[in-house]
Amino acid sequence: MTEQSLPRLPTLQQGDRINWEQVVLDIQRSAWLREKGQWTSLRAIAQEVGRTEGWVWNLKNIPCTEPKFHDGLLLIGLWVEKTGKLDLPLSSGT
């Protein structure tokens, strides 16, 4: 990945956050689009970023769960690689 292809990290306004649930869902769905109905498993995502399946499950299913900085960057990198998107999904509020 070159510097030019890194995602543009949004300027977060007060109350805005990265929507980690959507990040995980986008990664899961990216395989579905390529492989005709096969979603990427939470386990596969966890292996890609060196975390546990439970860690990914928590990000997807527990509101307001956020990864530590380094873990978030790894997940964002995987998201960019799998989806080709550069604008991170945001959620407003708490």
Protein backbone atom coordinates (compact mmCIF):
# COMPACT_ATOMS: atom_id res chain seq x y z
CA MET A 1 0.00 0.00 0.00
CA THR A 2 1.47 3.32 -1.01
CA GLU A 3 1.09 6.54 0.88
CA GLN A 4 -1.25 7.83 -1.81
CA SER A 5 -3.66 4.92 -1.32
CA LEU A 6 -4.00 5.29 2.43
CA PRO A 7 -7.50 6.14 3.59
CA ARG A 8 -8.32 9.76 4.19
CA LEU A 9 -9.01 9.83 7.88
CA PRO A 10 -11.99 12.08 8.44
CA THR A 11 -11.91 15.11 10.64
CA LEU A 12 -14.14 14.05 13.46
CA GLN A 13 -16.51 16.59 14.90
CA GLN A 14 -17.40 16.41 18.56
CA GLY A 15 -19.61 13.36 19.01
CA ASP A 16 -18.58 11.70 15.72
CA ARG A 17 -16.87 8.33 15.78
CA ILE A 18 -15.79 5.69 13.30
CA ASN A 19 -18.66 3.24 12.89
CA TRP A 20 -16.76 0.04 13.73
CA GLU A 21 -19.84 -2.11 13.23
CA GLN A 22 -20.06 -0.87 9.64
CA VAL A 23 -16.32 -1.39 9.11
CA VAL A 24 -16.66 -5.06 10.11
CA LEU A 25 -19.83 -5.50 8.03
CA ASP A 26 -18.15 -3.95 4.99
CA ILE A 27 -15.23 -6.38 5.32
CA GLN A 28 -17.63 -9.31 5.66
CA ARG A 29 -19.68 -8.23 2.64
CA SER A 30 -16.63 -7.57 0.46
CA ALA A 31 -16.04 -11.31 0.10
CA TRP A 32 -19.72 -11.88 -0.61
CA LEU A 33 -19.48 -9.58 -3.60
CA ARG A 34 -16.40 -11.39 -4.95
CA GLU A 35 -17.26 -14.97 -4.06
CA LYS A 36 -20.97 -15.25 -4.83
CA GLY A 37 -22.61 -15.53 -1.46
CA GLN A 38 -19.68 -16.26 0.86
CA TRP A 39 -19.30 -13.72 3.64
CA THR A 40 -15.93 -13.29 5.30
CA SER A 41 -16.13 -14.87 8.75
CA LEU A 42 -15.35 -12.98 11.93
CA ARG A 43 -12.61 -15.55 12.54
CA ALA A 44 -10.96 -14.72 9.20
CA ILE A 45 -11.07 -11.00 9.99
CA ALA A 46 -9.58 -11.66 13.42
CA GLN A 47 -6.74 -13.69 11.91
CA GLU A 48 -5.96 -10.93 9.43
CA VAL A 49 -5.48 -8.36 12.20
CA GLY A 50 -4.01 -10.68 14.83
CA ARG A 51 -6.91 -10.49 17.28
CA THR A 52 -9.53 -12.94 18.55
CA GLU A 53 -12.87 -13.70 16.96
CA GLY A 54 -14.53 -12.41 20.15
CA TRP A 55 -12.76 -9.07 19.73
CA VAL A 56 -14.21 -8.66 16.23
CA TRP A 57 -17.63 -9.85 17.43
CA ASN A 58 -17.59 -7.18 20.16
CA LEU A 59 -16.80 -4.41 17.64
CA LYS A 60 -19.65 -5.56 15.44
CA ASN A 61 -22.28 -6.21 18.09
CA ILE A 62 -21.69 -4.09 21.19
CA PRO A 63 -22.56 -0.41 20.77
CA CYS A 64 -19.81 2.11 21.58
CA THR A 65 -17.06 -0.54 21.49
CA GLU A 66 -13.86 0.89 20.05
CA PRO A 67 -10.50 -0.74 19.38
CA LYS A 68 -7.22 0.52 20.73
CA PHE A 69 -5.41 2.85 18.32
CA HIS A 70 -3.06 0.29 16.74
CA ASP A 71 -5.77 -2.36 16.43
CA GLY A 72 -8.07 0.20 14.80
CA LEU A 73 -5.40 1.08 12.25
CA LEU A 74 -4.95 -2.59 11.38
CA LEU A 75 -8.69 -2.99 10.91
CA ILE A 76 -8.90 0.17 8.80
CA GLY A 77 -6.05 -1.11 6.62
CA LEU A 78 -7.89 -4.41 6.09
CA TRP A 79 -11.11 -2.51 5.36
CA VAL A 80 -9.38 -0.43 2.67
CA GLU A 81 -7.75 -3.54 1.17
CA LYS A 82 -10.97 -5.56 1.05
CA THR A 83 -13.48 -2.87 0.07
CA GLY A 84 -11.42 -0.43 -1.96
CA LYS A 85 -13.17 2.40 -0.11
CA LEU A 86 -11.29 5.39 1.27
CA ASP A 87 -13.95 7.31 3.23
CA LEU A 88 -14.49 5.65 6.60
CA PRO A 89 -18.06 5.20 7.82
CA LEU A 90 -18.89 7.55 10.67
CA SER A 91 -21.60 7.56 13.28
CA SER A 92 -22.80 10.58 15.21
CA GLY A 93 -23.60 10.75 18.87
CA THR A 94 -22.63 8.50 21.70
